[in-house]
Amino acid sequence: MGKILGYIAASLDGLIVSGDGSLDWLYKYDDMDLGEHDYRRFLKRIRTVVMGRGTYDFIANEPSPWAYGDQRVFVVTSRPMDNPKGPLETRNDVDALISELRAFDDGDVWMLGGGQLQMSFMQRGALDEIEIYVIPEILGSGLPLFPLTGLRASPTLISAMPIDKGCVRLHYRL
């Protein structure tokens, strides 16, 4: 059984999307040297990608091609999807999806995108580890890394390390 992983960037003030719905603040760091933690290396070990509808809609509206052709992709949504950008399946029952993901034995699962779905998995004890890349930007408004749901937890720090351009990588086991 693979692990269910989070891999996400957040601003110094704990936001993942700016108040205008943009990731421009993050794109400034696209050339950052992450070494062994580079996104492309991370993606190679991922067999399944899971995202919420908001993340899917954001990706679908980007002009870049579908980046997950080598992975099995699930979008958690209750709304129908017409003409999806890439090959994917939809699910609307998080508990059933978690059981399905836990039954896979062909690689790790990545919880792509926003904190709402990651929080939903954390509330169910189903997010195994998370890597958070803290970017030295203060956005002032936007979407938080995790919505405030009342969940209390004490993740175990696996590692913390400074990386390129003043960023910090935090790796936790939940």
Protein backbone atom coordinates (compact mmCIF):
# COMPACT_ATOMS: atom_id res chain seq x y z
CA MET A 1 0.00 0.00 0.00
CA GLY A 2 1.34 3.40 -0.94
CA LYS A 3 1.22 6.49 1.22
CA ILE A 4 -1.28 9.31 0.87
CA LEU A 5 0.82 12.46 0.68
CA GLY A 6 0.42 16.19 0.69
CA TYR A 7 2.94 18.36 -1.20
CA ILE A 8 1.99 22.03 -1.14
CA ALA A 9 3.40 25.56 -0.97
CA ALA A 10 2.13 28.24 1.40
CA SER A 11 3.01 31.87 1.92
CA LEU A 12 4.65 32.99 5.13
CA ASP A 13 1.22 34.13 6.36
CA GLY A 14 -0.24 30.67 5.75
CA LEU A 15 -2.08 31.21 2.47
CA ILE A 16 -2.07 29.05 -0.67
CA VAL A 17 -3.87 31.36 -3.10
CA SER A 18 -3.81 35.15 -3.03
CA GLY A 19 -6.94 37.23 -2.47
CA ASP A 20 -7.38 37.73 -6.21
CA GLY A 21 -7.36 33.95 -6.79
CA SER A 22 -3.86 34.00 -8.27
CA LEU A 23 -0.73 31.92 -7.85
CA ASP A 24 1.50 34.62 -9.37
CA TRP A 25 3.28 35.00 -6.02
CA LEU A 26 4.31 31.34 -6.24
CA TYR A 27 5.22 31.34 -9.94
CA LYS A 28 8.03 33.79 -9.09
CA TYR A 29 9.76 30.79 -7.48
CA ASP A 30 9.42 28.35 -10.41
CA ASP A 31 13.20 28.35 -10.95
CA MET A 32 13.91 27.52 -7.30
CA ASP A 33 16.38 24.68 -6.76
CA LEU A 34 14.64 22.04 -4.64
CA GLY A 35 17.30 19.40 -5.27
CA GLU A 36 16.07 15.94 -4.29
CA HIS A 37 12.68 17.43 -3.34
CA ASP A 38 11.99 18.82 -6.81
CA TYR A 39 8.36 18.61 -7.96
CA ARG A 40 9.27 16.61 -11.07
CA ARG A 41 11.05 13.99 -8.95
CA PHE A 42 8.14 13.91 -6.52
CA LEU A 43 5.62 13.41 -9.35
CA LYS A 44 7.56 10.43 -10.73
CA ARG A 45 6.85 8.43 -7.57
CA ILE A 46 3.13 9.28 -7.63
CA ARG A 47 0.74 6.77 -9.16
CA THR A 48 -2.55 8.43 -8.17
CA VAL A 49 -3.48 12.12 -7.97
CA VAL A 50 -6.52 13.29 -6.01
CA MET A 51 -7.86 16.84 -6.22
CA GLY A 52 -10.98 18.76 -5.34
CA ARG A 53 -13.19 20.44 -7.89
CA GLY A 54 -11.78 23.91 -7.22
CA THR A 55 -8.24 22.72 -7.94
CA TYR A 56 -9.40 20.87 -11.05
CA ASP A 57 -11.22 23.98 -12.35
CA PHE A 58 -8.09 26.07 -11.74
CA ILE A 59 -5.92 23.56 -13.67
CA ALA A 60 -8.50 23.17 -16.43
CA ASN A 61 -8.50 26.94 -17.02
CA GLU A 62 -4.71 27.08 -17.36
CA PRO A 63 -3.39 27.06 -20.95
CA SER A 64 -0.77 24.40 -20.16
CA PRO A 65 -1.42 20.80 -21.20
CA TRP A 66 -2.73 18.18 -18.76
CA ALA A 67 0.27 17.20 -16.63
CA TYR A 68 -1.05 13.96 -15.15
CA GLY A 69 -1.23 11.61 -18.13
CA ASP A 70 1.02 9.07 -16.37
CA GLN A 71 -1.13 9.00 -13.23
CA ARG A 72 -4.58 7.77 -12.26
CA VAL A 73 -6.57 10.94 -11.42
CA PHE A 74 -9.61 11.38 -9.19
CA VAL A 75 -11.54 14.63 -8.81
CA VAL A 76 -13.74 14.86 -5.74
CA THR A 77 -16.93 16.61 -6.83
CA SER A 78 -20.68 16.26 -6.80
CA ARG A 79 -21.12 18.33 -9.96
CA PRO A 80 -20.98 16.79 -13.44
CA MET A 81 -17.87 17.43 -15.52
CA ASP A 82 -18.31 18.13 -19.21
CA ASN A 83 -15.28 17.64 -21.46
CA PRO A 84 -12.62 17.12 -18.77
CA LYS A 85 -9.16 18.46 -19.61
CA GLY A 86 -7.51 15.05 -19.13
CA PRO A 87 -8.33 11.46 -18.33
CA LEU A 88 -9.86 11.30 -14.86
CA GLU A 89 -12.55 9.77 -12.72
CA THR A 90 -14.86 11.56 -10.33
CA ARG A 91 -15.88 10.60 -6.81
CA ASN A 92 -18.27 12.28 -4.39
CA ASP A 93 -17.90 10.05 -1.31
CA VAL A 94 -14.63 10.81 0.50
CA ASP A 95 -14.87 7.79 2.81
CA ALA A 96 -15.36 5.39 -0.11
CA LEU A 97 -12.52 7.09 -2.00
CA ILE A 98 -10.16 6.66 0.96
CA SER A 99 -10.98 2.93 1.07
CA GLU A 100 -10.36 2.71 -2.68
CA LEU A 101 -7.02 4.54 -2.39
CA ARG A 102 -5.88 2.36 0.53
CA ALA A 103 -6.52 -0.74 -1.61
CA PHE A 104 -4.07 0.40 -4.32
CA ASP A 105 -0.62 -1.16 -4.08
CA ASP A 106 1.03 0.41 -7.12
CA GLY A 107 2.49 3.64 -5.72
CA ASP A 108 1.85 6.71 -3.63
CA VAL A 109 -1.18 9.03 -3.74
CA TRP A 110 -0.82 12.81 -3.94
CA MET A 111 -3.45 15.13 -2.52
CA LEU A 112 -3.02 17.92 -5.07
CA GLY A 113 -4.14 21.44 -4.42
CA GLY A 114 -6.05 23.19 -1.73
CA GLY A 115 -6.22 22.50 1.94
CA GLN A 116 -9.96 21.77 2.09
CA LEU A 117 -9.68 18.24 0.69
CA GLN A 118 -6.41 17.63 2.56
CA MET A 119 -8.20 18.67 5.77
CA SER A 120 -11.04 16.29 4.97
CA PHE A 121 -8.49 13.46 4.71
CA MET A 122 -6.73 14.59 7.92
CA GLN A 123 -10.03 14.58 9.80
CA ARG A 124 -10.39 10.93 8.79
CA GLY A 125 -6.79 10.03 9.68
CA ALA A 126 -6.07 9.36 6.01
CA LEU A 127 -3.24 11.80 5.18
CA ASP A 128 0.01 10.00 6.00
CA GLU A 129 2.59 12.73 5.40
CA ILE A 130 2.73 16.29 4.17
CA GLU A 131 5.52 18.44 2.74
CA ILE A 132 4.87 22.15 3.10
CA TYR A 133 7.10 24.60 1.25
CA VAL A 134 6.95 27.93 3.07
CA ILE A 135 7.56 30.73 0.59
CA PRO A 136 8.81 34.11 1.91
CA GLU A 137 5.84 36.11 0.68
CA ILE A 138 3.14 37.79 2.75
CA LEU A 139 -0.11 37.90 0.80
CA GLY A 140 -2.45 39.56 3.28
CA SER A 141 -5.57 37.85 1.92
CA GLY A 142 -6.52 34.65 0.21
CA LEU A 143 -7.21 30.99 0.94
CA PRO A 144 -5.60 29.45 4.03
CA LEU A 145 -3.39 26.38 3.90
CA PHE A 146 -6.03 24.52 5.94
CA PRO A 147 -9.55 25.68 6.71
CA LEU A 148 -10.35 26.02 10.40
CA THR A 149 -12.49 22.96 11.17
CA GLY A 150 -11.84 22.38 14.84
CA LEU A 151 -9.45 19.48 14.15
CA ARG A 152 -6.61 19.34 16.65
CA ALA A 153 -3.54 17.26 15.83
CA SER A 154 0.15 17.07 16.68
CA PRO A 155 1.99 15.96 13.54
CA THR A 156 5.50 14.57 13.95
CA LEU A 157 8.24 16.61 12.29
CA ILE A 158 10.30 14.40 9.99
CA SER A 159 12.55 17.20 8.75
CA ALA A 160 12.85 20.96 8.36
CA MET A 161 15.35 22.51 6.01
CA PRO A 162 16.07 25.84 4.38
CA ILE A 163 16.11 25.67 0.60
CA ASP A 164 16.71 28.09 -2.24
CA LYS A 165 15.50 31.73 -2.22
CA GLY A 166 14.71 31.87 1.50
CA CYS A 167 12.12 29.10 1.37
CA VAL A 168 11.79 26.39 3.99
CA ARG A 169 10.67 22.78 3.49
CA LEU A 170 8.71 21.24 6.37
CA HIS A 171 7.98 17.50 6.27
CA TYR A 172 5.50 16.00 8.75
CA ARG A 173 4.03 12.59 9.49
CA LEU A 174 0.41 12.75 10.61
